[in-house]
Each structure stands twice: as structure tokens, then as C-alpha cells.
Amino acid sequence: MTNDEWILVGQAKQGDAHAFARLYERYYHDLYRFAYCYMQQAEAAEDAVMNSIEKAYVRLGDLRKNSSFKSWLYQITANECRAQLRKMPVYMEDATPPEPRYEESGYSTPEIRELLSHLSEIERLVITLSVFSGYNSSEIAALLHKRPGSIRSIKSRALSSLRTQVEQSKNRKEVSLHE
């Protein structure tokens, strides 16, 4: 956390709505990517972020350390995503869920989304936070309440799985070209 962010958090805790708005602007895109990865639907991710920001603003006085603001905000967002997922309707086998809008996802192609969909929820979160949002293992560990070593193991396992999927996909394409 930069000194500027620390000061903004302190000002926001004292009731400065403008300071909180500046923090929101700094973290919105990362929170949205995080929520989108979790929810896999653009509108649901947007709702989760908006609700999280509102809850954070209301409960800002509960934050003990200014330096924990970012992880605290991510935790609120993760909790909001979980709550919204529990409320979402379950689709029947023959029903088709709405397609996520890839252009808003932070992922450049449907192929990447497809690869990520084969990972477990925790693996997808770790890869998204690491690769797409640029967080290191310690930061991700703080956000997800896990040990940095566990995060590194999860990331390694997920990357290995992604490599295997890519190699299998390439092999299938080569075989179909030679037929």
C-alpha cells in the first residue's frame, strides 16, 4: 500500500466521502476482475462489486489497520460473490445459462475462459489474481486467508493443469489437420 493510499483510507475512515471515492476508483477494475472470475457473469460481478463497495463504506469504521484496506475490501467482495452465487437460480440440464460477455471479462479470448473453467474455484481465483491482476503469493494469501506456500502450490498445480490442457488441445488440432 502506498503512503497516499494509507492517507486516503485514514481520511475515508474519518468520513471523507471524496477520499473513499478515490479509493474506489483505484480498486474498481481489480475488484471487478476478481468478482467476474468468481461469478463468471458480467452483470453479477458488477452487482457484487457495487454491493461490496457499499458495505465497505458503511463498515469502514470496523477496519482496524489502514494497511489492511485492500485485503479487507477483497474479503468483502469474496463474501458478496458467495452470497450472490447462493441466491442465483440453478439451471435445469436442458436450459442454457446466459453466455458471459468476454469483452468485459479481462480475458482476451473464449479459449482462455474455457481453459480456466476446468480449474477448481480456488485455482481459478489464484490464477486470476496472479496472472491477470498482478498480485504476488503473499498478497493473494492475505486476500484468501491462506499461507503463501499454499498459494504457490495451488498456482503451480493450476499452471501445470493449464499446460496439459493446452498441449492436449494442440495435439487434437494436429491430429485433425492430418486426417
C-alpha atoms as a PDB file:
ATOM      1  CA  MET A   1       0.000   0.000   0.000  1.00  0.00           C
ATOM      2  CA  THR A   2       1.354   3.369  -0.934  1.00  0.00           C
ATOM      3  CA  ASN A   3       1.562   6.221   1.540  1.00  0.00           C
ATOM      4  CA  ASP A   4      -1.083   8.067  -0.493  1.00  0.00           C
ATOM      5  CA  GLU A   5      -3.488   5.122  -0.205  1.00  0.00           C
ATOM      6  CA  TRP A   6      -2.835   4.867   3.536  1.00  0.00           C
ATOM      7  CA  ILE A   7      -3.697   8.550   3.916  1.00  0.00           C
ATOM      8  CA  LEU A   8      -6.849   8.162   1.785  1.00  0.00           C
ATOM      9  CA  VAL A   9      -8.014   5.263   3.948  1.00  0.00           C
ATOM     10  CA  GLY A  10      -7.469   7.355   7.070  1.00  0.00           C
ATOM     11  CA  GLN A  11      -9.423  10.243   5.576  1.00  0.00           C
ATOM     12  CA  ALA A  12     -12.229   7.936   4.471  1.00  0.00           C
ATOM     13  CA  LYS A  13     -12.432   6.439   7.968  1.00  0.00           C
ATOM     14  CA  GLN A  14     -12.941   9.976   9.277  1.00  0.00           C
ATOM     15  CA  GLY A  15     -15.935  10.406   6.973  1.00  0.00           C
ATOM     16  CA  ASP A  16     -14.355  11.906   3.850  1.00  0.00           C
ATOM     17  CA  ALA A  17     -16.542  10.526   1.043  1.00  0.00           C
ATOM     18  CA  HIS A  18     -14.251  12.042  -1.611  1.00  0.00           C
ATOM     19  CA  ALA A  19     -11.294  10.039  -0.236  1.00  0.00           C
ATOM     20  CA  PHE A  20     -13.368   6.852  -0.330  1.00  0.00           C
ATOM     21  CA  ALA A  21     -14.396   7.633  -3.920  1.00  0.00           C
ATOM     22  CA  ARG A  22     -10.722   7.920  -4.896  1.00  0.00           C
ATOM     23  CA  LEU A  23     -10.022   4.536  -3.294  1.00  0.00           C
ATOM     24  CA  TYR A  24     -12.972   3.076  -5.182  1.00  0.00           C
ATOM     25  CA  GLU A  25     -11.544   4.401  -8.456  1.00  0.00           C
ATOM     26  CA  ARG A  26      -8.176   2.793  -7.703  1.00  0.00           C
ATOM     27  CA  TYR A  27      -9.552  -0.640  -6.874  1.00  0.00           C
ATOM     28  CA  TYR A  28     -12.666  -0.939  -9.043  1.00  0.00           C
ATOM     29  CA  HIS A  29     -11.122  -2.712 -12.054  1.00  0.00           C
ATOM     30  CA  ASP A  30      -9.242  -5.266  -9.963  1.00  0.00           C
ATOM     31  CA  LEU A  31     -12.335  -5.919  -7.846  1.00  0.00           C
ATOM     32  CA  TYR A  32     -14.418  -6.346 -10.978  1.00  0.00           C
ATOM     33  CA  ARG A  33     -11.951  -8.844 -12.497  1.00  0.00           C
ATOM     34  CA  PHE A  34     -11.880 -10.719  -9.197  1.00  0.00           C
ATOM     35  CA  ALA A  35     -15.699 -10.803  -8.991  1.00  0.00           C
ATOM     36  CA  TYR A  36     -16.020 -11.763 -12.659  1.00  0.00           C
ATOM     37  CA  CYS A  37     -13.678 -14.687 -12.170  1.00  0.00           C
ATOM     38  CA  TYR A  38     -15.704 -15.758  -9.169  1.00  0.00           C
ATOM     39  CA  MET A  39     -19.177 -15.193 -10.655  1.00  0.00           C
ATOM     40  CA  GLN A  40     -18.458 -15.792 -14.369  1.00  0.00           C
ATOM     41  CA  GLN A  41     -21.198 -13.334 -15.354  1.00  0.00           C
ATOM     42  CA  ALA A  42     -20.592  -9.670 -16.082  1.00  0.00           C
ATOM     43  CA  GLU A  43     -23.786  -8.290 -14.560  1.00  0.00           C
ATOM     44  CA  ALA A  44     -23.485 -10.424 -11.423  1.00  0.00           C
ATOM     45  CA  ALA A  45     -19.871  -9.323 -10.982  1.00  0.00           C
ATOM     46  CA  GLU A  46     -20.868  -5.674 -11.319  1.00  0.00           C
ATOM     47  CA  ASP A  47     -23.610  -6.140  -8.718  1.00  0.00           C
ATOM     48  CA  ALA A  48     -21.217  -7.890  -6.350  1.00  0.00           C
ATOM     49  CA  VAL A  49     -18.665  -5.070  -6.621  1.00  0.00           C
ATOM     50  CA  MET A  50     -21.283  -2.377  -6.106  1.00  0.00           C
ATOM     51  CA  ASN A  51     -22.725  -4.139  -3.055  1.00  0.00           C
ATOM     52  CA  SER A  52     -19.221  -4.715  -1.681  1.00  0.00           C
ATOM     53  CA  ILE A  53     -18.271  -1.079  -2.049  1.00  0.00           C
ATOM     54  CA  GLU A  54     -21.470  -0.016  -0.306  1.00  0.00           C
ATOM     55  CA  LYS A  55     -20.840  -2.455   2.563  1.00  0.00           C
ATOM     56  CA  ALA A  56     -17.219  -1.340   2.855  1.00  0.00           C
ATOM     57  CA  TYR A  57     -18.254   2.293   3.054  1.00  0.00           C
ATOM     58  CA  VAL A  58     -20.835   1.590   5.751  1.00  0.00           C
ATOM     59  CA  ARG A  59     -18.449  -0.620   7.760  1.00  0.00           C
ATOM     60  CA  LEU A  60     -15.279   1.413   7.236  1.00  0.00           C
ATOM     61  CA  GLY A  61     -15.112   2.137  10.949  1.00  0.00           C
ATOM     62  CA  ASP A  62     -14.639  -1.624  11.568  1.00  0.00           C
ATOM     63  CA  LEU A  63     -11.315  -1.604   9.696  1.00  0.00           C
ATOM     64  CA  ARG A  64      -8.565  -1.794  12.314  1.00  0.00           C
ATOM     65  CA  LYS A  65      -5.454  -1.101  10.235  1.00  0.00           C
ATOM     66  CA  ASN A  66      -5.362   1.225   7.239  1.00  0.00           C
ATOM     67  CA  SER A  67      -2.759  -1.026   5.624  1.00  0.00           C
ATOM     68  CA  SER A  68      -5.298  -3.898   5.559  1.00  0.00           C
ATOM     69  CA  PHE A  69      -7.837  -1.965   3.484  1.00  0.00           C
ATOM     70  CA  LYS A  70      -7.150  -3.753   0.204  1.00  0.00           C
ATOM     71  CA  SER A  71      -7.381  -7.293   1.608  1.00  0.00           C
ATOM     72  CA  TRP A  72     -10.413  -6.258   3.692  1.00  0.00           C
ATOM     73  CA  LEU A  73     -12.130  -4.955   0.549  1.00  0.00           C
ATOM     74  CA  TYR A  74     -11.356  -8.177  -1.347  1.00  0.00           C
ATOM     75  CA  GLN A  75     -12.707 -10.243   1.529  1.00  0.00           C
ATOM     76  CA  ILE A  76     -15.965  -8.281   1.493  1.00  0.00           C
ATOM     77  CA  THR A  77     -16.141  -8.785  -2.279  1.00  0.00           C
ATOM     78  CA  ALA A  78     -15.486 -12.543  -1.996  1.00  0.00           C
ATOM     79  CA  ASN A  79     -18.203 -12.833   0.663  1.00  0.00           C
ATOM     80  CA  GLU A  80     -20.626 -10.868  -1.513  1.00  0.00           C
ATOM     81  CA  CYS A  81     -19.867 -13.110  -4.509  1.00  0.00           C
ATOM     82  CA  ARG A  82     -20.511 -16.224  -2.412  1.00  0.00           C
ATOM     83  CA  ALA A  83     -23.783 -14.777  -1.122  1.00  0.00           C
ATOM     84  CA  GLN A  84     -24.967 -13.873  -4.626  1.00  0.00           C
ATOM     85  CA  LEU A  85     -23.995 -17.289  -6.014  1.00  0.00           C
ATOM     86  CA  ARG A  86     -26.096 -18.960  -3.320  1.00  0.00           C
ATOM     87  CA  LYS A  87     -29.076 -16.829  -4.423  1.00  0.00           C
ATOM     88  CA  MET A  88     -28.632 -17.480  -8.167  1.00  0.00           C
ATOM     89  CA  PRO A  89     -31.093 -19.832  -9.840  1.00  0.00           C
ATOM     90  CA  VAL A  90     -29.870 -23.303 -10.707  1.00  0.00           C
ATOM     91  CA  TYR A  91     -30.378 -24.141 -14.371  1.00  0.00           C
ATOM     92  CA  MET A  92     -32.025 -27.347 -15.448  1.00  0.00           C
ATOM     93  CA  GLU A  93     -29.891 -29.673 -17.571  1.00  0.00           C
ATOM     94  CA  ASP A  94     -31.643 -28.679 -20.773  1.00  0.00           C
ATOM     95  CA  ALA A  95     -31.603 -24.953 -20.034  1.00  0.00           C
ATOM     96  CA  THR A  96     -28.804 -22.796 -21.371  1.00  0.00           C
ATOM     97  CA  PRO A  97     -27.252 -20.310 -18.975  1.00  0.00           C
ATOM     98  CA  PRO A  98     -26.541 -16.863 -20.371  1.00  0.00           C
ATOM     99  CA  GLU A  99     -23.166 -16.504 -22.058  1.00  0.00           C
ATOM    100  CA  PRO A 100     -20.695 -14.291 -20.253  1.00  0.00           C
ATOM    101  CA  ARG A 101     -19.579 -11.250 -22.229  1.00  0.00           C
ATOM    102  CA  TYR A 102     -15.924 -11.967 -22.890  1.00  0.00           C
ATOM    103  CA  GLU A 103     -15.024  -8.419 -23.825  1.00  0.00           C
ATOM    104  CA  GLU A 104     -15.735  -7.338 -20.235  1.00  0.00           C
ATOM    105  CA  SER A 105     -14.012 -10.232 -18.543  1.00  0.00           C
ATOM    106  CA  GLY A 106     -10.422  -9.117 -18.577  1.00  0.00           C
ATOM    107  CA  TYR A 107      -9.647 -12.280 -20.574  1.00  0.00           C
ATOM    108  CA  SER A 108      -8.897 -11.793 -24.220  1.00  0.00           C
ATOM    109  CA  THR A 109     -10.423 -14.896 -25.762  1.00  0.00           C
ATOM    110  CA  PRO A 110     -13.117 -17.503 -25.161  1.00  0.00           C
ATOM    111  CA  GLU A 111     -10.367 -20.143 -25.286  1.00  0.00           C
ATOM    112  CA  ILE A 112      -8.787 -18.742 -22.129  1.00  0.00           C
ATOM    113  CA  ARG A 113     -12.160 -18.744 -20.374  1.00  0.00           C
ATOM    114  CA  GLU A 114     -12.651 -22.340 -21.459  1.00  0.00           C
ATOM    115  CA  LEU A 115      -9.256 -23.357 -20.091  1.00  0.00           C
ATOM    116  CA  LEU A 116      -9.928 -21.596 -16.782  1.00  0.00           C
ATOM    117  CA  SER A 117     -13.338 -23.241 -16.460  1.00  0.00           C
ATOM    118  CA  HIS A 118     -11.606 -26.619 -15.987  1.00  0.00           C
ATOM    119  CA  LEU A 119      -9.799 -25.396 -12.870  1.00  0.00           C
ATOM    120  CA  SER A 120     -11.213 -25.585  -9.369  1.00  0.00           C
ATOM    121  CA  GLU A 121     -12.633 -22.379  -7.896  1.00  0.00           C
ATOM    122  CA  ILE A 122      -9.556 -21.743  -5.739  1.00  0.00           C
ATOM    123  CA  GLU A 123      -7.177 -22.430  -8.659  1.00  0.00           C
ATOM    124  CA  ARG A 124      -9.143 -20.049 -10.894  1.00  0.00           C
ATOM    125  CA  LEU A 125      -9.035 -17.335  -8.227  1.00  0.00           C
ATOM    126  CA  VAL A 126      -5.300 -17.734  -7.659  1.00  0.00           C
ATOM    127  CA  ILE A 127      -4.511 -17.665 -11.393  1.00  0.00           C
ATOM    128  CA  THR A 128      -6.779 -14.683 -11.963  1.00  0.00           C
ATOM    129  CA  LEU A 129      -5.297 -12.701  -9.098  1.00  0.00           C
ATOM    130  CA  SER A 130      -1.751 -13.657 -10.043  1.00  0.00           C
ATOM    131  CA  VAL A 131      -1.707 -13.556 -13.826  1.00  0.00           C
ATOM    132  CA  PHE A 132      -4.457 -11.078 -14.678  1.00  0.00           C
ATOM    133  CA  SER A 133      -4.296  -8.775 -11.658  1.00  0.00           C
ATOM    134  CA  GLY A 134      -0.569  -8.989 -10.886  1.00  0.00           C
ATOM    135  CA  TYR A 135      -0.712  -9.965  -7.208  1.00  0.00           C
ATOM    136  CA  ASN A 136       2.121 -11.941  -5.630  1.00  0.00           C
ATOM    137  CA  SER A 137       1.690 -15.053  -3.475  1.00  0.00           C
ATOM    138  CA  SER A 138       1.811 -13.143  -0.194  1.00  0.00           C
ATOM    139  CA  GLU A 139      -0.862 -10.689  -1.312  1.00  0.00           C
ATOM    140  CA  ILE A 140      -3.105 -13.475  -2.588  1.00  0.00           C
ATOM    141  CA  ALA A 141      -2.575 -15.397   0.652  1.00  0.00           C
ATOM    142  CA  ALA A 142      -3.719 -12.381   2.643  1.00  0.00           C
ATOM    143  CA  LEU A 143      -6.777 -11.930   0.424  1.00  0.00           C
ATOM    144  CA  LEU A 144      -7.805 -15.586   0.625  1.00  0.00           C
ATOM    145  CA  HIS A 145      -6.673 -16.228   4.218  1.00  0.00           C
ATOM    146  CA  LYS A 146      -4.185 -18.912   3.256  1.00  0.00           C
ATOM    147  CA  ARG A 147      -0.434 -19.349   3.624  1.00  0.00           C
ATOM    148  CA  PRO A 148       1.824 -18.046   0.840  1.00  0.00           C
ATOM    149  CA  GLY A 149       3.263 -21.545   0.381  1.00  0.00           C
ATOM    150  CA  SER A 150      -0.229 -22.931  -0.153  1.00  0.00           C
ATOM    151  CA  ILE A 151      -0.909 -20.250  -2.751  1.00  0.00           C
ATOM    152  CA  ARG A 152       2.325 -21.119  -4.581  1.00  0.00           C
ATOM    153  CA  SER A 153       1.331 -24.816  -4.581  1.00  0.00           C
ATOM    154  CA  ILE A 154      -2.169 -24.043  -5.857  1.00  0.00           C
ATOM    155  CA  LYS A 155      -0.726 -21.791  -8.568  1.00  0.00           C
ATOM    156  CA  SER A 156       1.829 -24.413  -9.615  1.00  0.00           C
ATOM    157  CA  ARG A 157      -0.851 -27.109  -9.806  1.00  0.00           C
ATOM    158  CA  ALA A 158      -3.168 -24.827 -11.783  1.00  0.00           C
ATOM    159  CA  LEU A 159      -0.444 -23.802 -14.242  1.00  0.00           C
ATOM    160  CA  SER A 160       0.505 -27.439 -14.740  1.00  0.00           C
ATOM    161  CA  SER A 161      -3.127 -28.283 -15.448  1.00  0.00           C
ATOM    162  CA  LEU A 162      -3.376 -25.392 -17.911  1.00  0.00           C
ATOM    163  CA  ARG A 163      -0.188 -26.523 -19.683  1.00  0.00           C
ATOM    164  CA  THR A 164      -1.564 -30.047 -20.005  1.00  0.00           C
ATOM    165  CA  GLN A 165      -4.858 -28.729 -21.398  1.00  0.00           C
ATOM    166  CA  VAL A 166      -3.042 -26.561 -23.951  1.00  0.00           C
ATOM    167  CA  GLU A 167      -0.812 -29.467 -25.053  1.00  0.00           C
ATOM    168  CA  GLN A 168      -3.824 -31.772 -25.406  1.00  0.00           C
ATOM    169  CA  SER A 169      -5.643 -29.125 -27.409  1.00  0.00           C
ATOM    170  CA  LYS A 170      -2.645 -28.685 -29.721  1.00  0.00           C
ATOM    171  CA  ASN A 171      -2.377 -32.457 -30.203  1.00  0.00           C
ATOM    172  CA  ARG A 172      -6.084 -32.704 -31.082  1.00  0.00           C
ATOM    173  CA  LYS A 173      -5.699 -29.895 -33.630  1.00  0.00           C
ATOM    174  CA  GLU A 174      -2.615 -31.545 -35.189  1.00  0.00           C
ATOM    175  CA  VAL A 175      -4.398 -34.886 -35.459  1.00  0.00           C
ATOM    176  CA  SER A 176      -7.448 -33.280 -37.100  1.00  0.00           C
ATOM    177  CA  LEU A 177      -5.210 -31.456 -39.606  1.00  0.00           C
ATOM    178  CA  HIS A 178      -3.539 -34.719 -40.669  1.00  0.00           C
ATOM    179  CA  GLU A 179      -6.783 -36.622 -41.140  1.00  0.00           C
END
